[in-house]
Amino acid sequence: MFRSLKNYFNKKSLLDEKYEYLFEENNEDEYICFDCETTGLNPKEDDIVSIGAVLIKNNTIVSSKKFVRFIKPKTKLQAESIKIHHIRTCDLENADDIDNVIEDFLEFIGNKKLVGYFLEFDIAMINKYIKPKIGIYLPNKTYEVSAIYHDYKNELIPQGNIDLRFDSIMNDLNIPYMGKHDAYNDALMTSMMFLKLKNNKKVKLK
């Protein structure tokens, strides 16, 4: 109910009617799991340097339907960020412009449900670019993997100390490690966690 009301007012701010499809309800069993690597951790000041995303459809990760793009940032890469994702300024010399990448990304996700780990941050980064461009925030329904995992573990161990770190969830769910802080690999591992939880009879997606 709250999401519907929020999107009602959100849609009124849409500047380009070609993006009305983002607001259409999607009742299919399909999701987009995505991750962003950035110049830092402040959505207001930092920029995206890469986006990785994969389609999940009918309980299957469709590896042929993936989105992998690198972006030349307008802000300087911070040393701490480089240590994490190992993307240097010289690696982005021939990268795409964010305006083009965002348009392609919106076309890729469409009105599908969105999945991620620390998804609020990634969505804030995407919204930073689409709000001034088309007047809206992402209206898609979202699923935060760490929140789903928390609720699942809380049912098993009420009031227990639940470790929500990425590696800890991976290990507990027995997900193969593919190398972190690569946007596509992170999206792929997160999608595996999501499917493991989604198909657990004790997990109810809201």
C-alpha atoms as a PDB file:
ATOM      1  CA  MET A   1       0.000   0.000   0.000  1.00  0.00           C
ATOM      2  CA  PHE A   2       2.740   2.471   0.991  1.00  0.00           C
ATOM      3  CA  ARG A   3       4.797   1.587  -2.091  1.00  0.00           C
ATOM      4  CA  SER A   4       1.773   2.106  -4.374  1.00  0.00           C
ATOM      5  CA  LEU A   5       1.087   5.516  -2.844  1.00  0.00           C
ATOM      6  CA  LYS A   6       4.749   6.476  -3.067  1.00  0.00           C
ATOM      7  CA  ASN A   7       4.907   5.475  -6.738  1.00  0.00           C
ATOM      8  CA  TYR A   8       1.682   7.361  -7.476  1.00  0.00           C
ATOM      9  CA  PHE A   9       3.390  10.632  -6.545  1.00  0.00           C
ATOM     10  CA  ASN A  10       6.721   9.486  -7.979  1.00  0.00           C
ATOM     11  CA  LYS A  11       5.157   8.918 -11.401  1.00  0.00           C
ATOM     12  CA  LYS A  12       3.750  12.460 -11.427  1.00  0.00           C
ATOM     13  CA  SER A  13       7.348  13.724 -11.572  1.00  0.00           C
ATOM     14  CA  LEU A  14       8.244  11.644 -14.645  1.00  0.00           C
ATOM     15  CA  LEU A  15       9.736  13.913 -17.319  1.00  0.00           C
ATOM     16  CA  ASP A  16       9.803  11.420 -20.200  1.00  0.00           C
ATOM     17  CA  GLU A  17       6.763   9.239 -20.906  1.00  0.00           C
ATOM     18  CA  LYS A  18       8.887   6.587 -22.614  1.00  0.00           C
ATOM     19  CA  TYR A  19       9.891   5.465 -19.102  1.00  0.00           C
ATOM     20  CA  GLU A  20       6.313   4.814 -17.972  1.00  0.00           C
ATOM     21  CA  TYR A  21       7.011   1.086 -18.334  1.00  0.00           C
ATOM     22  CA  LEU A  22       9.064   1.277 -15.120  1.00  0.00           C
ATOM     23  CA  PHE A  23       5.825   1.730 -13.176  1.00  0.00           C
ATOM     24  CA  GLU A  24       3.988  -1.249 -14.673  1.00  0.00           C
ATOM     25  CA  GLU A  25       3.364  -4.135 -12.267  1.00  0.00           C
ATOM     26  CA  ASN A  26       5.506  -7.187 -12.903  1.00  0.00           C
ATOM     27  CA  ASN A  27       3.934 -10.403 -11.642  1.00  0.00           C
ATOM     28  CA  GLU A  28       6.403 -12.687 -13.393  1.00  0.00           C
ATOM     29  CA  ASP A  29       8.958 -14.748 -11.484  1.00  0.00           C
ATOM     30  CA  GLU A  30      11.833 -12.563 -12.639  1.00  0.00           C
ATOM     31  CA  TYR A  31      14.313 -10.352 -10.858  1.00  0.00           C
ATOM     32  CA  ILE A  32      17.400  -8.291 -11.612  1.00  0.00           C
ATOM     33  CA  CYS A  33      20.243  -8.669  -9.135  1.00  0.00           C
ATOM     34  CA  PHE A  34      22.756  -5.835  -9.433  1.00  0.00           C
ATOM     35  CA  ASP A  35      25.759  -4.265  -7.774  1.00  0.00           C
ATOM     36  CA  CYS A  36      27.690  -1.018  -8.212  1.00  0.00           C
ATOM     37  CA  GLU A  37      31.331  -0.225  -7.610  1.00  0.00           C
ATOM     38  CA  THR A  38      31.914   3.444  -6.796  1.00  0.00           C
ATOM     39  CA  THR A  39      34.540   6.110  -6.153  1.00  0.00           C
ATOM     40  CA  GLY A  40      33.485   6.215  -2.482  1.00  0.00           C
ATOM     41  CA  LEU A  41      30.600   5.587  -0.094  1.00  0.00           C
ATOM     42  CA  ASN A  42      28.728   8.898  -0.267  1.00  0.00           C
ATOM     43  CA  PRO A  43      25.959   8.852  -2.929  1.00  0.00           C
ATOM     44  CA  LYS A  44      25.782  12.652  -2.883  1.00  0.00           C
ATOM     45  CA  GLU A  45      29.473  13.137  -3.664  1.00  0.00           C
ATOM     46  CA  ASP A  46      30.753   9.934  -5.261  1.00  0.00           C
ATOM     47  CA  ASP A  47      30.188   8.341  -8.652  1.00  0.00           C
ATOM     48  CA  ILE A  48      29.618   4.859 -10.063  1.00  0.00           C
ATOM     49  CA  VAL A  49      32.590   3.291 -11.856  1.00  0.00           C
ATOM     50  CA  SER A  50      30.975  -0.036 -12.758  1.00  0.00           C
ATOM     51  CA  ILE A  51      27.595  -1.773 -12.746  1.00  0.00           C
ATOM     52  CA  GLY A  52      27.094  -5.522 -12.877  1.00  0.00           C
ATOM     53  CA  ALA A  53      23.687  -7.141 -13.122  1.00  0.00           C
ATOM     54  CA  VAL A  54      22.137 -10.492 -13.956  1.00  0.00           C
ATOM     55  CA  LEU A  55      18.633 -11.715 -14.728  1.00  0.00           C
ATOM     56  CA  ILE A  56      16.958 -14.296 -12.482  1.00  0.00           C
ATOM     57  CA  LYS A  57      13.952 -15.929 -14.121  1.00  0.00           C
ATOM     58  CA  ASN A  58      11.894 -18.936 -13.025  1.00  0.00           C
ATOM     59  CA  ASN A  59      14.435 -19.827 -10.322  1.00  0.00           C
ATOM     60  CA  THR A  60      17.290 -19.748 -12.823  1.00  0.00           C
ATOM     61  CA  ILE A  61      20.192 -17.340 -13.196  1.00  0.00           C
ATOM     62  CA  VAL A  62      20.155 -16.495 -16.894  1.00  0.00           C
ATOM     63  CA  SER A  63      23.872 -15.963 -17.455  1.00  0.00           C
ATOM     64  CA  SER A  64      23.307 -14.975 -21.091  1.00  0.00           C
ATOM     65  CA  LYS A  65      21.272 -11.989 -19.863  1.00  0.00           C
ATOM     66  CA  LYS A  66      23.832  -9.949 -18.012  1.00  0.00           C
ATOM     67  CA  PHE A  67      24.775  -6.289 -17.789  1.00  0.00           C
ATOM     68  CA  VAL A  68      28.416  -5.315 -17.305  1.00  0.00           C
ATOM     69  CA  ARG A  69      29.522  -1.731 -17.865  1.00  0.00           C
ATOM     70  CA  PHE A  70      32.364   0.533 -16.753  1.00  0.00           C
ATOM     71  CA  ILE A  71      31.853   4.271 -16.332  1.00  0.00           C
ATOM     72  CA  LYS A  72      34.283   7.166 -16.361  1.00  0.00           C
ATOM     73  CA  PRO A  73      33.548   9.040 -13.102  1.00  0.00           C
ATOM     74  CA  LYS A  74      33.353  12.793 -12.738  1.00  0.00           C
ATOM     75  CA  THR A  75      34.830  12.628  -9.243  1.00  0.00           C
ATOM     76  CA  LYS A  76      38.264  11.335  -8.292  1.00  0.00           C
ATOM     77  CA  LEU A  77      38.715   7.707  -7.315  1.00  0.00           C
ATOM     78  CA  GLN A  78      39.592   7.472  -3.637  1.00  0.00           C
ATOM     79  CA  ALA A  79      42.568   5.378  -2.571  1.00  0.00           C
ATOM     80  CA  GLU A  80      40.440   3.335  -0.178  1.00  0.00           C
ATOM     81  CA  SER A  81      37.988   2.490  -2.960  1.00  0.00           C
ATOM     82  CA  ILE A  82      40.787   1.402  -5.299  1.00  0.00           C
ATOM     83  CA  LYS A  83      42.032  -0.979  -2.594  1.00  0.00           C
ATOM     84  CA  ILE A  84      38.583  -2.574  -2.507  1.00  0.00           C
ATOM     85  CA  HIS A  85      37.599  -2.907  -6.168  1.00  0.00           C
ATOM     86  CA  HIS A  86      41.060  -2.533  -7.795  1.00  0.00           C
ATOM     87  CA  ILE A  87      39.678  -0.247 -10.512  1.00  0.00           C
ATOM     88  CA  ARG A  88      42.175   2.527 -11.272  1.00  0.00           C
ATOM     89  CA  THR A  89      41.732   5.792 -13.171  1.00  0.00           C
ATOM     90  CA  CYS A  90      43.770   4.402 -16.074  1.00  0.00           C
ATOM     91  CA  ASP A  91      41.367   1.445 -16.289  1.00  0.00           C
ATOM     92  CA  LEU A  92      38.502   3.830 -17.010  1.00  0.00           C
ATOM     93  CA  GLU A  93      40.048   5.950 -19.760  1.00  0.00           C
ATOM     94  CA  ASN A  94      37.858   4.340 -22.436  1.00  0.00           C
ATOM     95  CA  ALA A  95      34.852   3.753 -20.182  1.00  0.00           C
ATOM     96  CA  ASP A  96      31.344   4.909 -21.076  1.00  0.00           C
ATOM     97  CA  ASP A  97      29.577   8.105 -20.070  1.00  0.00           C
ATOM     98  CA  ILE A  98      27.140   7.649 -17.175  1.00  0.00           C
ATOM     99  CA  ASP A  99      24.211   9.138 -19.145  1.00  0.00           C
ATOM    100  CA  ASN A 100      24.460   6.404 -21.762  1.00  0.00           C
ATOM    101  CA  VAL A 101      24.990   3.646 -19.211  1.00  0.00           C
ATOM    102  CA  ILE A 102      22.003   4.714 -17.108  1.00  0.00           C
ATOM    103  CA  GLU A 103      19.711   4.664 -20.139  1.00  0.00           C
ATOM    104  CA  ASP A 104      20.892   1.161 -21.020  1.00  0.00           C
ATOM    105  CA  PHE A 105      20.555   0.047 -17.404  1.00  0.00           C
ATOM    106  CA  LEU A 106      16.956   1.254 -17.160  1.00  0.00           C
ATOM    107  CA  GLU A 107      16.140  -0.641 -20.347  1.00  0.00           C
ATOM    108  CA  PHE A 108      17.814  -3.761 -18.915  1.00  0.00           C
ATOM    109  CA  ILE A 109      15.951  -3.760 -15.596  1.00  0.00           C
ATOM    110  CA  GLY A 110      12.598  -2.598 -16.972  1.00  0.00           C
ATOM    111  CA  ASN A 111       9.852  -3.103 -14.392  1.00  0.00           C
ATOM    112  CA  LYS A 112      11.460  -6.213 -12.892  1.00  0.00           C
ATOM    113  CA  LYS A 113      11.944  -6.644  -9.163  1.00  0.00           C
ATOM    114  CA  LEU A 114      15.409  -5.696  -7.901  1.00  0.00           C
ATOM    115  CA  VAL A 115      17.672  -7.773  -5.654  1.00  0.00           C
ATOM    116  CA  GLY A 116      20.925  -6.884  -3.961  1.00  0.00           C
ATOM    117  CA  TYR A 117      23.160  -6.832  -0.908  1.00  0.00           C
ATOM    118  CA  PHE A 118      23.361  -3.376   0.677  1.00  0.00           C
ATOM    119  CA  LEU A 119      20.845  -2.563  -2.054  1.00  0.00           C
ATOM    120  CA  GLU A 120      19.805   0.740  -0.506  1.00  0.00           C
ATOM    121  CA  PHE A 121      23.226   2.189  -1.308  1.00  0.00           C
ATOM    122  CA  ASP A 122      23.236   0.912  -4.909  1.00  0.00           C
ATOM    123  CA  ILE A 123      19.754   2.288  -5.526  1.00  0.00           C
ATOM    124  CA  ALA A 124      20.751   5.634  -4.034  1.00  0.00           C
ATOM    125  CA  MET A 125      23.652   5.753  -6.489  1.00  0.00           C
ATOM    126  CA  ILE A 126      21.362   4.973  -9.455  1.00  0.00           C
ATOM    127  CA  ASN A 127      18.787   7.511  -8.255  1.00  0.00           C
ATOM    128  CA  LYS A 128      21.493  10.164  -8.164  1.00  0.00           C
ATOM    129  CA  TYR A 129      21.620  10.011 -11.970  1.00  0.00           C
ATOM    130  CA  ILE A 130      18.039   9.216 -12.960  1.00  0.00           C
ATOM    131  CA  LYS A 131      16.337  11.827 -10.770  1.00  0.00           C
ATOM    132  CA  PRO A 132      17.755  14.855 -12.639  1.00  0.00           C
ATOM    133  CA  LYS A 133      17.545  12.993 -15.953  1.00  0.00           C
ATOM    134  CA  ILE A 134      13.927  11.735 -15.933  1.00  0.00           C
ATOM    135  CA  GLY A 135      12.517  13.252 -12.738  1.00  0.00           C
ATOM    136  CA  ILE A 136      11.864  10.077 -10.731  1.00  0.00           C
ATOM    137  CA  TYR A 137      13.422   7.608  -8.341  1.00  0.00           C
ATOM    138  CA  LEU A 138      13.544   3.900  -9.199  1.00  0.00           C
ATOM    139  CA  PRO A 139       9.989   2.628  -8.606  1.00  0.00           C
ATOM    140  CA  ASN A 140      10.812  -1.097  -8.778  1.00  0.00           C
ATOM    141  CA  LYS A 141      10.009  -3.442  -5.911  1.00  0.00           C
ATOM    142  CA  THR A 142      13.176  -4.390  -4.026  1.00  0.00           C
ATOM    143  CA  TYR A 143      14.519  -7.349  -2.063  1.00  0.00           C
ATOM    144  CA  GLU A 144      17.460  -6.925   0.309  1.00  0.00           C
ATOM    145  CA  VAL A 145      19.223 -10.284   0.691  1.00  0.00           C
ATOM    146  CA  SER A 146      20.637  -9.509   4.134  1.00  0.00           C
ATOM    147  CA  ALA A 147      17.145  -8.651   5.424  1.00  0.00           C
ATOM    148  CA  ILE A 148      15.684 -11.878   4.008  1.00  0.00           C
ATOM    149  CA  TYR A 149      18.547 -13.820   5.582  1.00  0.00           C
ATOM    150  CA  HIS A 150      18.065 -12.039   8.929  1.00  0.00           C
ATOM    151  CA  ASP A 151      14.376 -12.925   9.075  1.00  0.00           C
ATOM    152  CA  TYR A 152      15.152 -16.517   8.129  1.00  0.00           C
ATOM    153  CA  LYS A 153      17.822 -16.922  10.829  1.00  0.00           C
ATOM    154  CA  ASN A 154      15.715 -15.096  13.396  1.00  0.00           C
ATOM    155  CA  GLU A 155      12.998 -17.724  12.985  1.00  0.00           C
ATOM    156  CA  LEU A 156      15.563 -20.441  13.685  1.00  0.00           C
ATOM    157  CA  ILE A 157      17.423 -18.639  16.479  1.00  0.00           C
ATOM    158  CA  PRO A 158      15.137 -15.974  18.012  1.00  0.00           C
ATOM    159  CA  GLN A 159      17.093 -13.117  19.577  1.00  0.00           C
ATOM    160  CA  GLY A 160      20.337 -14.699  18.412  1.00  0.00           C
ATOM    161  CA  ASN A 161      23.367 -12.780  17.175  1.00  0.00           C
ATOM    162  CA  ILE A 162      22.996 -12.893  13.385  1.00  0.00           C
ATOM    163  CA  ASP A 163      26.090 -12.183  11.308  1.00  0.00           C
ATOM    164  CA  LEU A 164      25.006 -10.264   8.187  1.00  0.00           C
ATOM    165  CA  ARG A 165      28.425  -9.857   6.602  1.00  0.00           C
ATOM    166  CA  PHE A 166      28.547 -10.904   2.956  1.00  0.00           C
ATOM    167  CA  ASP A 167      31.142 -13.657   3.507  1.00  0.00           C
ATOM    168  CA  SER A 168      29.275 -15.027   6.518  1.00  0.00           C
ATOM    169  CA  ILE A 169      26.017 -15.342   4.617  1.00  0.00           C
ATOM    170  CA  MET A 170      27.870 -16.930   1.710  1.00  0.00           C
ATOM    171  CA  ASN A 171      29.489 -19.518   3.961  1.00  0.00           C
ATOM    172  CA  ASP A 172      26.310 -20.313   5.869  1.00  0.00           C
ATOM    173  CA  LEU A 173      24.350 -20.847   2.652  1.00  0.00           C
ATOM    174  CA  ASN A 174      27.232 -22.791   1.078  1.00  0.00           C
ATOM    175  CA  ILE A 175      27.550 -20.458  -1.914  1.00  0.00           C
ATOM    176  CA  PRO A 176      30.728 -20.804  -4.047  1.00  0.00           C
ATOM    177  CA  TYR A 177      33.155 -17.905  -3.753  1.00  0.00           C
ATOM    178  CA  MET A 178      33.867 -16.122  -7.048  1.00  0.00           C
ATOM    179  CA  GLY A 179      35.991 -13.179  -5.980  1.00  0.00           C
ATOM    180  CA  LYS A 180      34.428 -10.086  -4.393  1.00  0.00           C
ATOM    181  CA  HIS A 181      34.320  -6.420  -5.338  1.00  0.00           C
ATOM    182  CA  ASP A 182      33.806  -7.072  -9.004  1.00  0.00           C
ATOM    183  CA  ALA A 183      30.317  -5.718  -9.694  1.00  0.00           C
ATOM    184  CA  TYR A 184      29.222  -8.647 -11.863  1.00  0.00           C
ATOM    185  CA  ASN A 185      30.696 -11.320  -9.586  1.00  0.00           C
ATOM    186  CA  ASP A 186      29.072  -9.689  -6.557  1.00  0.00           C
ATOM    187  CA  ALA A 187      25.721  -9.608  -8.371  1.00  0.00           C
ATOM    188  CA  LEU A 188      26.126 -13.255  -9.358  1.00  0.00           C
ATOM    189  CA  MET A 189      26.975 -14.417  -5.827  1.00  0.00           C
ATOM    190  CA  THR A 190      24.143 -12.326  -4.383  1.00  0.00           C
ATOM    191  CA  SER A 191      21.710 -13.864  -6.865  1.00  0.00           C
ATOM    192  CA  MET A 192      22.807 -17.334  -5.692  1.00  0.00           C
ATOM    193  CA  MET A 193      22.152 -16.338  -2.074  1.00  0.00           C
ATOM    194  CA  PHE A 194      18.758 -14.960  -3.043  1.00  0.00           C
ATOM    195  CA  LEU A 195      17.731 -18.145  -4.847  1.00  0.00           C
ATOM    196  CA  LYS A 196      18.926 -20.327  -1.961  1.00  0.00           C
ATOM    197  CA  LEU A 197      16.763 -18.319   0.427  1.00  0.00           C
ATOM    198  CA  LYS A 198      13.818 -17.904  -1.936  1.00  0.00           C
ATOM    199  CA  ASN A 199      13.511 -21.664  -2.416  1.00  0.00           C
ATOM    200  CA  ASN A 200      13.710 -22.448   1.284  1.00  0.00           C
ATOM    201  CA  LYS A 201      10.273 -23.463   2.550  1.00  0.00           C
ATOM    202  CA  LYS A 202      10.843 -21.503   5.746  1.00  0.00           C
ATOM    203  CA  VAL A 203      11.415 -18.251   3.850  1.00  0.00           C
ATOM    204  CA  LYS A 204       8.472 -16.063   2.854  1.00  0.00           C
ATOM    205  CA  LEU A 205       9.231 -13.201   0.514  1.00  0.00           C
ATOM    206  CA  LYS A 206       7.225 -10.113   1.302  1.00  0.00           C
END
